[in-house]
Amino acid sequence: MTLHADLHRHLGGSVVPRILWRYFQRHNQDLAQRFSHYSQFEEFYTRSHDTLEEYLELHTLVESVQTPQTLPYFIYRLIRGAYVFENLAYLELRYTPYLRTSEELNQSEQIDQMRQIVEIVGEASRVPEYPIISSQILCMHSRLPYEVNRAILELAAQSPEYVCGVDLAGGDTYYGERLDEFVELYQYARSLGLKTTGHLYETEDGFYPELLPYLMRIGHGIQIPLQHPELLSEVARAGQCLEVCPTTYLKTGTLDDIHQLKIVFDRCFEAGVDIAICTDNAGLHNVRLPFEYENLLTHDVINFGQLQACQEAAFRHAFAWPYGQAPASLLTGLLQHGTTNEILTVGG
């Protein structure tokens, strides 16, 4: 059995449409009436968009129902599907904990409640019958205040049993006006010993080289080989890995055709830059990780040798992978340790 690692999957975009629709039917009458038939909801939920900003609005639909009470419901089904249908051995689940807190609280109280959210997600991810090694990446958000983003970093540093790294999300068009602030936050993250990734060079508006030195991995980063190949040697020297999520770029209007990714893979392989193939929002796309690989193969974007290299890179660059750099040790590790909590959830 081939085993996969997914390094870039958002909690808000991970709920597959059937699960979300059933939840609405049982627990949310307003949304149930709006989407009375599943086919209607699936078409709405998985449709393509013209811009990344329009696409990201769908996250708010899911975030509104991912509360402390409901998170275990959604995460159990996420882990079950990832294990049964995707053969995932390792998963990094990323999200902004502040956006799962109660809006009835003031900002200070919401910051305090973030710790509860992280604990809920961590404990809900421990599912003995589906032994996936998992950890959390906490996302700063481009539209959240500085104080909240700094608190997210501090919470990540205080929660190594649940959290393996931090990210910056929320749409890269909003980075520019606060760039100095985000540089400072990443400097602070590194001073806390946190592992770092960030949504960068995804779109033509996402060119912020000032942030690159602080990242261990680059969320998406496809515009580096497409528009700024002169940066590839720097990325290679830094040992940074691109988290490439193929279906996303078609859903957000960033690319017109999957064949455009061939330039990304060819230039990265030539420059010695690792790529981890990821899902980003498997639920919004209704596309699971094995199909991301298959789709790239059938469209001749990559060959089988490159596929294997990307699989290995995903494990090698995983922030919380406990068995060394090569996935070959996975089965040995699982057989030796069994399905204990230490296997199921590993922090940074």
Protein backbone atom coordinates (compact mmCIF):
# COMPACT_ATOMS: atom_id res chain seq x y z
CA MET A 1 0.00 0.00 0.00
CA THR A 2 1.38 3.38 -1.01
CA LEU A 3 1.39 5.82 1.90
CA HIS A 4 1.12 9.58 1.51
CA ALA A 5 1.88 12.72 3.50
CA ASP A 6 -0.15 15.91 3.07
CA LEU A 7 1.64 19.02 4.32
CA HIS A 8 -0.90 21.64 3.24
CA ARG A 9 -4.52 21.02 4.14
CA HIS A 10 -6.87 23.60 5.63
CA LEU A 11 -9.36 22.58 8.29
CA GLY A 12 -11.92 24.96 6.80
CA GLY A 13 -11.62 23.44 3.35
CA SER A 14 -11.23 19.80 4.37
CA VAL A 15 -14.87 18.92 4.98
CA VAL A 16 -16.08 17.01 1.92
CA PRO A 17 -19.37 18.29 0.49
CA ARG A 18 -21.47 15.24 1.44
CA ILE A 19 -20.46 15.46 5.11
CA LEU A 20 -21.11 19.20 5.26
CA TRP A 21 -24.45 18.93 3.51
CA ARG A 22 -25.61 16.19 5.90
CA TYR A 23 -24.59 18.36 8.83
CA PHE A 24 -26.69 21.23 7.48
CA GLN A 25 -29.68 18.92 7.02
CA ARG A 26 -29.47 17.77 10.64
CA HIS A 27 -28.36 20.89 12.47
CA ASN A 28 -28.83 24.09 10.44
CA GLN A 29 -32.31 24.72 9.11
CA ASP A 30 -31.42 27.93 7.29
CA LEU A 31 -28.67 26.30 5.25
CA ALA A 32 -30.69 23.11 4.87
CA GLN A 33 -33.48 25.08 3.21
CA ARG A 34 -31.01 26.96 1.03
CA PHE A 35 -29.50 23.67 -0.20
CA SER A 36 -32.35 21.19 -0.06
CA HIS A 37 -30.77 18.86 -2.65
CA TYR A 38 -27.23 17.53 -2.39
CA SER A 39 -26.41 18.00 -6.07
CA GLN A 40 -27.30 21.67 -5.76
CA PHE A 41 -24.98 22.08 -2.79
CA GLU A 42 -22.10 20.13 -4.36
CA GLU A 43 -22.22 22.32 -7.46
CA PHE A 44 -22.15 25.46 -5.32
CA TYR A 45 -19.46 24.24 -2.92
CA THR A 46 -16.97 22.85 -5.46
CA ARG A 47 -17.39 25.38 -8.29
CA SER A 48 -14.47 27.29 -9.77
CA HIS A 49 -13.92 30.98 -9.08
CA ASP A 50 -12.39 33.91 -10.90
CA THR A 51 -10.12 35.05 -8.07
CA LEU A 52 -8.46 33.74 -4.93
CA GLU A 53 -10.39 36.27 -2.82
CA GLU A 54 -13.73 35.00 -4.09
CA TYR A 55 -12.63 31.41 -3.49
CA LEU A 56 -11.56 32.14 0.11
CA GLU A 57 -15.04 33.39 0.99
CA LEU A 58 -16.21 29.78 1.02
CA HIS A 59 -14.01 29.19 4.07
CA THR A 60 -16.28 31.45 6.07
CA LEU A 61 -19.22 29.13 5.39
CA VAL A 62 -17.40 26.22 7.05
CA GLU A 63 -15.77 28.27 9.78
CA SER A 64 -19.20 29.44 10.90
CA VAL A 65 -20.16 25.87 11.86
CA GLN A 66 -16.76 24.71 13.18
CA THR A 67 -17.32 25.53 16.82
CA PRO A 68 -15.80 23.96 19.94
CA GLN A 69 -18.88 21.73 20.09
CA THR A 70 -18.81 20.58 16.45
CA LEU A 71 -15.08 20.33 15.72
CA PRO A 72 -14.80 16.70 16.95
CA TYR A 73 -17.64 15.72 14.59
CA PHE A 74 -15.89 17.18 11.55
CA ILE A 75 -12.36 16.10 12.46
CA TYR A 76 -13.30 12.48 13.09
CA ARG A 77 -14.78 12.25 9.62
CA LEU A 78 -11.80 14.06 8.12
CA ILE A 79 -9.34 11.59 9.69
CA ARG A 80 -11.48 8.61 8.74
CA GLY A 81 -11.67 9.66 5.11
CA ALA A 82 -7.97 10.51 4.91
CA TYR A 83 -7.02 7.08 6.22
CA VAL A 84 -9.55 4.95 4.36
CA PHE A 85 -9.67 6.71 0.99
CA GLU A 86 -6.30 8.47 0.73
CA ASN A 87 -3.85 6.12 2.48
CA LEU A 88 -2.49 9.07 4.43
CA ALA A 89 0.22 8.21 6.93
CA TYR A 90 0.89 11.82 7.90
CA LEU A 91 -1.22 14.97 7.93
CA GLU A 92 -0.55 18.57 8.89
CA LEU A 93 -3.87 20.31 9.43
CA ARG A 94 -3.75 24.10 9.32
CA TYR A 95 -6.26 26.70 10.44
CA THR A 96 -6.66 29.99 12.32
CA PRO A 97 -7.83 29.12 15.84
CA TYR A 98 -9.18 32.62 16.46
CA LEU A 99 -11.78 32.08 13.72
CA ARG A 100 -13.21 29.09 15.64
CA THR A 101 -13.78 31.03 18.86
CA SER A 102 -17.11 32.48 19.98
CA GLU A 103 -17.97 35.83 18.40
CA GLU A 104 -19.91 36.68 21.55
CA LEU A 105 -16.58 37.09 23.40
CA ASN A 106 -14.37 40.16 23.27
CA GLN A 107 -10.95 39.98 21.62
CA SER A 108 -9.08 39.16 24.82
CA GLU A 109 -11.53 36.38 25.68
CA GLN A 110 -11.33 34.99 22.15
CA ILE A 111 -7.54 34.90 22.40
CA ASP A 112 -7.86 32.94 25.63
CA GLN A 113 -10.33 30.52 24.04
CA MET A 114 -7.86 29.69 21.24
CA ARG A 115 -6.03 27.31 23.60
CA GLN A 116 -9.23 25.31 24.02
CA ILE A 117 -9.64 25.12 20.24
CA VAL A 118 -6.11 23.78 19.77
CA GLU A 119 -6.69 21.15 22.46
CA ILE A 120 -10.00 20.09 20.94
CA VAL A 121 -8.49 19.71 17.47
CA GLY A 122 -5.51 17.82 18.89
CA GLU A 123 -7.55 15.36 20.92
CA ALA A 124 -10.14 14.85 18.17
CA SER A 125 -7.33 13.96 15.74
CA ARG A 126 -6.36 10.98 17.91
CA VAL A 127 -8.48 8.23 16.40
CA PRO A 128 -7.05 4.78 17.29
CA GLU A 129 -8.86 2.93 14.50
CA TYR A 130 -7.40 5.34 11.91
CA PRO A 131 -3.72 5.73 12.97
CA ILE A 132 -2.59 8.79 11.05
CA ILE A 133 0.30 10.77 12.47
CA SER A 134 -1.05 14.30 12.61
CA SER A 135 -0.16 17.73 13.89
CA GLN A 136 -1.44 21.29 13.58
CA ILE A 137 -0.13 24.37 11.83
CA LEU A 138 -1.60 27.53 13.33
CA CYS A 139 -2.26 30.26 10.81
CA MET A 140 -1.80 33.94 11.37
CA HIS A 141 -4.28 35.79 9.20
CA SER A 142 -3.71 38.79 6.95
CA ARG A 143 -6.96 40.43 8.16
CA LEU A 144 -6.48 39.85 11.89
CA PRO A 145 -4.96 42.45 14.24
CA TYR A 146 -1.29 42.28 15.19
CA GLU A 147 -2.16 41.36 18.78
CA VAL A 148 -4.14 38.31 17.69
CA ASN A 149 -1.46 37.10 15.27
CA ARG A 150 1.23 37.46 17.94
CA ALA A 151 -0.93 35.50 20.38
CA ILE A 152 -1.28 32.74 17.78
CA LEU A 153 2.51 32.43 17.61
CA GLU A 154 2.81 32.32 21.39
CA LEU A 155 0.10 29.66 21.61
CA ALA A 156 1.93 27.57 19.00
CA ALA A 157 5.15 27.78 20.99
CA GLN A 158 3.31 26.76 24.16
CA SER A 159 1.59 23.75 22.55
CA PRO A 160 4.30 21.46 21.14
CA GLU A 161 2.21 18.39 21.89
CA TYR A 162 -0.35 19.56 19.33
CA VAL A 163 1.35 22.13 17.06
CA CYS A 164 4.28 21.66 14.68
CA GLY A 165 4.48 25.03 12.92
CA VAL A 166 2.92 28.35 11.92
CA ASP A 167 1.67 29.91 8.71
CA LEU A 168 0.36 33.18 7.30
CA ALA A 169 -2.92 32.89 5.39
CA GLY A 170 -5.95 34.97 4.46
CA GLY A 171 -5.09 36.25 0.98
CA ASP A 172 -1.72 37.61 -0.12
CA THR A 173 -3.15 40.83 -1.57
CA TYR A 174 -3.37 42.15 2.00
CA TYR A 175 0.28 41.53 2.91
CA GLY A 176 1.77 44.63 1.32
CA GLU A 177 0.28 47.30 3.57
CA ARG A 178 1.43 45.40 6.67
CA LEU A 179 4.64 43.85 5.36
CA ASP A 180 6.92 45.20 8.11
CA GLU A 181 4.50 43.81 10.67
CA PHE A 182 4.54 40.34 9.14
CA VAL A 183 8.33 40.36 8.89
CA GLU A 184 8.47 41.17 12.60
CA LEU A 185 6.00 38.39 13.40
CA TYR A 186 8.02 35.83 11.45
CA GLN A 187 11.19 36.98 13.19
CA TYR A 188 9.38 36.47 16.48
CA ALA A 189 8.23 33.01 15.38
CA ARG A 190 11.77 31.95 14.58
CA SER A 191 13.01 33.37 17.90
CA LEU A 192 10.46 31.09 19.62
CA GLY A 193 11.90 28.10 17.79
CA LEU A 194 8.79 27.62 15.64
CA LYS A 195 8.85 25.95 12.25
CA THR A 196 7.47 28.21 9.56
CA THR A 197 5.63 28.15 6.29
CA GLY A 198 3.58 30.85 4.58
CA HIS A 199 1.21 31.47 1.69
CA LEU A 200 3.55 33.22 -0.72
CA TYR A 201 4.08 33.53 -4.47
CA GLU A 202 0.75 31.81 -5.11
CA THR A 203 -0.71 34.56 -7.28
CA GLU A 204 0.75 37.40 -9.29
CA ASP A 205 0.04 39.66 -6.29
CA GLY A 206 1.94 37.47 -3.87
CA PHE A 207 5.53 38.61 -4.54
CA TYR A 208 7.03 39.38 -1.13
CA PRO A 209 10.71 38.38 -1.17
CA GLU A 210 11.12 40.11 2.21
CA LEU A 211 9.31 37.15 3.84
CA LEU A 212 11.22 34.37 2.09
CA PRO A 213 14.22 34.25 4.48
CA TYR A 214 11.95 33.39 7.41
CA LEU A 215 10.21 30.41 5.81
CA MET A 216 11.25 26.76 6.04
CA ARG A 217 8.61 25.81 3.47
CA ILE A 218 6.69 27.96 0.99
CA GLY A 219 2.93 27.60 0.78
CA HIS A 220 2.29 27.22 -2.96
CA GLY A 221 5.18 29.32 -4.32
CA ILE A 222 4.36 28.45 -7.94
CA GLN A 223 5.01 31.98 -9.18
CA ILE A 224 8.69 31.60 -8.28
CA PRO A 225 9.41 29.11 -11.11
CA LEU A 226 6.77 30.71 -13.35
CA GLN A 227 7.62 34.40 -12.97
CA HIS A 228 10.80 34.63 -10.87
CA PRO A 229 13.01 31.63 -11.73
CA GLU A 230 16.05 33.66 -10.69
CA LEU A 231 14.98 32.99 -7.09
CA LEU A 232 15.12 29.21 -7.46
CA SER A 233 18.81 28.95 -6.64
CA GLU A 234 18.20 30.88 -3.42
CA VAL A 235 15.29 28.61 -2.53
CA ALA A 236 17.43 25.55 -3.21
CA ARG A 237 20.28 26.82 -1.04
CA ALA A 238 17.85 27.48 1.80
CA GLY A 239 16.47 23.94 1.51
CA GLN A 240 12.93 25.29 1.19
CA CYS A 241 10.18 23.08 -0.17
CA LEU A 242 7.23 24.28 -2.25
CA GLU A 243 3.80 23.07 -1.11
CA VAL A 244 2.13 22.75 -4.52
CA CYS A 245 -1.65 22.19 -4.55
CA PRO A 246 -2.57 21.55 -8.21
CA THR A 247 -6.38 21.70 -8.15
CA THR A 248 -6.38 24.96 -6.19
CA TYR A 249 -4.90 26.97 -9.03
CA LEU A 250 -7.66 25.86 -11.39
CA LYS A 251 -10.39 26.58 -8.82
CA THR A 252 -9.07 30.08 -8.04
CA GLY A 253 -8.43 31.20 -11.61
CA THR A 254 -4.69 31.45 -10.91
CA LEU A 255 -3.96 29.05 -13.79
CA ASP A 256 -6.09 28.26 -16.82
CA ASP A 257 -4.81 24.75 -17.40
CA ILE A 258 -3.05 22.08 -15.37
CA HIS A 259 -0.38 21.78 -18.07
CA GLN A 260 0.98 25.15 -16.96
CA LEU A 261 2.32 23.37 -13.87
CA LYS A 262 4.80 21.42 -16.00
CA ILE A 263 7.03 24.51 -16.05
CA VAL A 264 6.83 24.63 -12.25
CA PHE A 265 7.93 21.02 -11.80
CA ASP A 266 10.57 21.06 -14.57
CA ARG A 267 12.26 24.22 -13.34
CA CYS A 268 12.17 23.13 -9.70
CA PHE A 269 13.65 19.72 -10.44
CA GLU A 270 16.33 21.30 -12.59
CA ALA A 271 17.22 23.76 -9.81
CA GLY A 272 17.14 21.15 -7.04
CA VAL A 273 14.06 22.59 -5.32
CA ASP A 274 11.82 20.04 -3.58
CA ILE A 275 8.07 19.95 -4.16
CA ALA A 276 5.47 18.36 -1.90
CA ILE A 277 2.17 17.74 -3.67
CA CYS A 278 -0.74 18.68 -1.40
CA THR A 279 -4.52 19.09 -1.45
CA ASP A 280 -4.98 22.52 0.20
CA ASN A 281 -8.79 22.24 0.40
CA ALA A 282 -9.70 18.66 -0.41
CA GLY A 283 -13.35 19.20 0.53
CA LEU A 284 -13.86 22.36 -1.50
CA HIS A 285 -12.33 20.59 -4.49
CA ASN A 286 -13.86 17.16 -3.78
CA VAL A 287 -10.43 15.86 -4.79
CA ARG A 288 -8.31 13.63 -2.59
CA LEU A 289 -4.51 13.45 -2.55
CA PRO A 290 -4.02 10.28 -4.65
CA PHE A 291 -6.02 11.91 -7.44
CA GLU A 292 -3.78 14.99 -7.32
CA TYR A 293 -0.86 12.67 -8.14
CA GLU A 294 -2.83 10.75 -10.75
CA ASN A 295 -4.05 13.91 -12.45
CA LEU A 296 -0.50 15.26 -12.79
CA LEU A 297 0.64 11.93 -14.24
CA THR A 298 -2.19 11.49 -16.74
CA HIS A 299 -1.66 15.03 -18.04
CA ASP A 300 2.10 14.42 -18.41
CA VAL A 301 2.96 17.19 -15.97
CA ILE A 302 5.24 14.79 -14.06
CA ASN A 303 6.56 11.27 -14.63
CA PHE A 304 6.65 8.36 -12.18
CA GLY A 305 10.16 9.17 -11.06
CA GLN A 306 9.17 12.73 -10.24
CA LEU A 307 6.04 11.48 -8.50
CA GLN A 308 8.15 9.32 -6.19
CA ALA A 309 10.51 12.22 -5.54
CA CYS A 310 7.58 14.42 -4.51
CA GLN A 311 6.20 11.70 -2.23
CA GLU A 312 9.57 11.41 -0.51
CA ALA A 313 9.98 15.19 -0.27
CA ALA A 314 6.65 15.44 1.57
CA PHE A 315 7.90 13.14 4.33
CA ARG A 316 11.37 14.69 4.38
CA HIS A 317 10.01 18.22 4.89
CA ALA A 318 7.24 17.25 7.32
CA PHE A 319 7.50 19.33 10.47
CA ALA A 320 6.52 16.50 12.84
CA TRP A 321 7.49 13.28 11.03
CA PRO A 322 9.12 11.12 13.76
CA TYR A 323 10.81 8.36 11.77
CA GLY A 324 13.70 10.08 10.04
CA GLN A 325 13.77 11.46 6.54
CA ALA A 326 12.63 8.52 4.43
CA PRO A 327 9.08 7.14 4.39
CA ALA A 328 10.46 3.58 4.09
CA SER A 329 10.74 3.49 7.87
CA LEU A 330 7.00 4.12 8.30
CA LEU A 331 5.80 0.53 8.47
CA THR A 332 8.66 -0.47 10.74
CA GLY A 333 7.83 2.38 13.08
CA LEU A 334 4.13 1.57 13.17
CA LEU A 335 4.77 -2.12 13.79
CA GLN A 336 7.20 -1.35 16.60
CA HIS A 337 5.03 1.23 18.34
CA GLY A 338 1.48 0.18 17.52
CA THR A 339 -1.40 2.63 17.49
CA THR A 340 -0.60 4.54 20.64
CA ASN A 341 -1.32 8.22 21.11
CA GLU A 342 2.36 8.95 20.52
CA ILE A 343 1.96 7.53 17.03
CA LEU A 344 -1.32 9.27 16.32
CA THR A 345 -0.40 12.84 17.13
CA VAL A 346 3.13 14.20 17.28
CA GLY A 347 4.04 17.81 17.97
CA GLY A 348 6.98 19.83 16.68
